[in-house]
C-alpha cells in the first residue's frame, strides 16, 4: 500500500463524508489504522450514495488489496456479547 495514495484517498473520502452527511473523520488515522478505515468504509457505504461508494471502493482497494476480512473484526465482539446476561423479556409498561 502506498501511504501517500492511501492518505490522498482518505482525504477525498473525508471531504465527501463531511459535505454529504456532516461526518468528520481523521484522514491520517484512517490511512494508518485498519479498524478505523473499516468503520469509515462502513459509514460511507451505509449512505448508498454513488460518489461515496465509488471513493470507498478506491480507498478499500488501496488499504486492503486482498479484500476486507469481514469476520476478523467481529470475532471478539461475539464472545463479549454472549457473556452478557439477557434482558428481561417482559415489558413493565410504566416507570417504577
C-alpha atoms as a PDB file:
ATOM      1  CA  UNK A   1       0.000   0.000   0.000  1.00  0.00           C
ATOM      2  CA  UNK A   2       1.322   3.427  -0.887  1.00  0.00           C
ATOM      3  CA  UNK A   3       0.881   5.586   2.181  1.00  0.00           C
ATOM      4  CA  UNK A   4       0.650   8.792   0.155  1.00  0.00           C
ATOM      5  CA  UNK A   5      -2.011   7.274  -2.092  1.00  0.00           C
ATOM      6  CA  UNK A   6      -3.965   5.990   0.914  1.00  0.00           C
ATOM      7  CA  UNK A   7      -3.748   9.413   2.551  1.00  0.00           C
ATOM      8  CA  UNK A   8      -4.919  11.159  -0.631  1.00  0.00           C
ATOM      9  CA  UNK A   9      -7.901   8.816  -0.977  1.00  0.00           C
ATOM     10  CA  UNK A  10      -8.693   9.171   2.736  1.00  0.00           C
ATOM     11  CA  UNK A  11      -8.689  12.958   2.340  1.00  0.00           C
ATOM     12  CA  UNK A  12     -11.075  12.792  -0.609  1.00  0.00           C
ATOM     13  CA  UNK A  13     -13.369  10.408   1.251  1.00  0.00           C
ATOM     14  CA  UNK A  14     -13.221  12.737   4.274  1.00  0.00           C
ATOM     15  CA  UNK A  15     -14.362  15.707   2.186  1.00  0.00           C
ATOM     16  CA  UNK A  16     -17.242  13.731   0.663  1.00  0.00           C
ATOM     17  CA  UNK A  17     -18.388  12.455   4.062  1.00  0.00           C
ATOM     18  CA  UNK A  18     -18.266  15.957   5.514  1.00  0.00           C
ATOM     19  CA  UNK A  19     -20.197  17.518   2.627  1.00  0.00           C
ATOM     20  CA  UNK A  20     -22.822  14.820   2.190  1.00  0.00           C
ATOM     21  CA  UNK A  21     -23.575  13.664   5.750  1.00  0.00           C
ATOM     22  CA  UNK A  22     -21.692  16.056   8.025  1.00  0.00           C
ATOM     23  CA  UNK A  23     -19.330  13.330   9.280  1.00  0.00           C
ATOM     24  CA  UNK A  24     -15.812  14.482  10.181  1.00  0.00           C
ATOM     25  CA  UNK A  25     -13.003  11.916  10.064  1.00  0.00           C
ATOM     26  CA  UNK A  26      -9.278  11.782  10.812  1.00  0.00           C
ATOM     27  CA  UNK A  27      -7.596  11.239   7.452  1.00  0.00           C
ATOM     28  CA  UNK A  28      -4.146  10.360   8.782  1.00  0.00           C
ATOM     29  CA  UNK A  29      -5.542   7.815  11.233  1.00  0.00           C
ATOM     30  CA  UNK A  30      -7.789   6.412   8.513  1.00  0.00           C
ATOM     31  CA  UNK A  31      -4.738   5.768   6.313  1.00  0.00           C
ATOM     32  CA  UNK A  32      -2.825   4.085   9.190  1.00  0.00           C
ATOM     33  CA  UNK A  33      -5.380   2.132  11.240  1.00  0.00           C
ATOM     34  CA  UNK A  34      -7.201  -0.752   9.540  1.00  0.00           C
ATOM     35  CA  UNK A  35     -10.049  -0.921  12.087  1.00  0.00           C
ATOM     36  CA  UNK A  36     -10.777   2.805  11.764  1.00  0.00           C
ATOM     37  CA  UNK A  37     -10.608   2.541   7.973  1.00  0.00           C
ATOM     38  CA  UNK A  38     -13.117  -0.350   8.006  1.00  0.00           C
ATOM     39  CA  UNK A  39     -15.530   1.665  10.150  1.00  0.00           C
ATOM     40  CA  UNK A  40     -15.267   4.724   7.887  1.00  0.00           C
ATOM     41  CA  UNK A  41     -15.917   2.483   4.881  1.00  0.00           C
ATOM     42  CA  UNK A  42     -18.965   1.016   6.646  1.00  0.00           C
ATOM     43  CA  UNK A  43     -20.341   4.509   7.354  1.00  0.00           C
ATOM     44  CA  UNK A  44     -19.693   5.664   3.781  1.00  0.00           C
ATOM     45  CA  UNK A  45     -21.421   2.644   2.262  1.00  0.00           C
ATOM     46  CA  UNK A  46     -24.396   2.911   4.610  1.00  0.00           C
ATOM     47  CA  UNK A  47     -25.427   6.121   2.830  1.00  0.00           C
ATOM     48  CA  UNK A  48     -25.963   4.395  -0.551  1.00  0.00           C
ATOM     49  CA  UNK A  49     -24.503   7.371  -2.399  1.00  0.00           C
ATOM     50  CA  UNK A  50     -22.825   6.721  -5.759  1.00  0.00           C
ATOM     51  CA  UNK A  51     -19.878   9.079  -5.125  1.00  0.00           C
ATOM     52  CA  UNK A  52     -19.276   7.760  -1.617  1.00  0.00           C
ATOM     53  CA  UNK A  53     -19.422   4.158  -2.838  1.00  0.00           C
ATOM     54  CA  UNK A  54     -17.012   4.872  -5.690  1.00  0.00           C
ATOM     55  CA  UNK A  55     -14.421   6.511  -3.415  1.00  0.00           C
ATOM     56  CA  UNK A  56     -14.946   3.897  -0.703  1.00  0.00           C
ATOM     57  CA  UNK A  57     -14.160   1.193  -3.271  1.00  0.00           C
ATOM     58  CA  UNK A  58     -10.999   3.006  -4.356  1.00  0.00           C
ATOM     59  CA  UNK A  59      -9.868   3.525  -0.756  1.00  0.00           C
ATOM     60  CA  UNK A  60     -10.583  -0.117   0.096  1.00  0.00           C
ATOM     61  CA  UNK A  61      -8.564  -1.314  -2.914  1.00  0.00           C
ATOM     62  CA  UNK A  62      -5.526   0.618  -1.675  1.00  0.00           C
ATOM     63  CA  UNK A  63      -5.888  -0.143   2.043  1.00  0.00           C
ATOM     64  CA  UNK A  64      -6.948  -3.788   1.706  1.00  0.00           C
ATOM     65  CA  UNK A  65      -5.585  -5.215  -1.566  1.00  0.00           C
ATOM     66  CA  UNK A  66      -6.740  -8.724  -0.622  1.00  0.00           C
ATOM     67  CA  UNK A  67     -10.181  -7.500   0.447  1.00  0.00           C
ATOM     68  CA  UNK A  68     -11.621  -6.867   3.891  1.00  0.00           C
ATOM     69  CA  UNK A  69     -11.898  -9.911   6.146  1.00  0.00           C
ATOM     70  CA  UNK A  70     -15.423  -9.345   7.493  1.00  0.00           C
ATOM     71  CA  UNK A  71     -15.170 -11.957  10.253  1.00  0.00           C
ATOM     72  CA  UNK A  72     -11.836 -10.819  11.745  1.00  0.00           C
ATOM     73  CA  UNK A  73     -13.112  -7.677  13.427  1.00  0.00           C
ATOM     74  CA  UNK A  74     -16.341  -9.222  14.660  1.00  0.00           C
ATOM     75  CA  UNK A  75     -14.887 -12.341  16.286  1.00  0.00           C
ATOM     76  CA  UNK A  76     -14.099 -10.669  19.605  1.00  0.00           C
ATOM     77  CA  UNK A  77     -17.428  -8.867  19.749  1.00  0.00           C
ATOM     78  CA  UNK A  78     -19.444 -12.086  19.621  1.00  0.00           C
ATOM     79  CA  UNK A  79     -17.630 -13.540  22.614  1.00  0.00           C
ATOM     80  CA  UNK A  80     -18.302 -10.456  24.724  1.00  0.00           C
ATOM     81  CA  UNK A  81     -21.938 -10.232  23.673  1.00  0.00           C
ATOM     82  CA  UNK A  82     -22.686 -13.828  24.646  1.00  0.00           C
ATOM     83  CA  UNK A  83     -21.215 -13.279  28.126  1.00  0.00           C
ATOM     84  CA  UNK A  84     -23.772 -10.542  28.938  1.00  0.00           C
ATOM     85  CA  UNK A  85     -26.944 -11.628  30.705  1.00  0.00           C
ATOM     86  CA  UNK A  86     -30.096 -11.333  28.617  1.00  0.00           C
ATOM     87  CA  UNK A  87     -32.533  -8.501  29.303  1.00  0.00           C
ATOM     88  CA  UNK A  88     -35.891  -9.424  30.848  1.00  0.00           C
ATOM     89  CA  UNK A  89     -38.436 -10.440  28.230  1.00  0.00           C
ATOM     90  CA  UNK A  90     -41.428  -8.764  29.891  1.00  0.00           C
ATOM     91  CA  UNK A  91     -42.332  -5.114  29.456  1.00  0.00           C
ATOM     92  CA  UNK A  92     -43.401  -3.345  32.639  1.00  0.00           C
ATOM     93  CA  UNK A  93     -45.480  -0.694  30.900  1.00  0.00           C
ATOM     94  CA  UNK A  94     -44.699   2.107  33.338  1.00  0.00           C
ATOM     95  CA  UNK A  95     -41.899   3.749  35.248  1.00  0.00           C
ATOM     96  CA  UNK A  96     -41.229   2.469  38.724  1.00  0.00           C
END
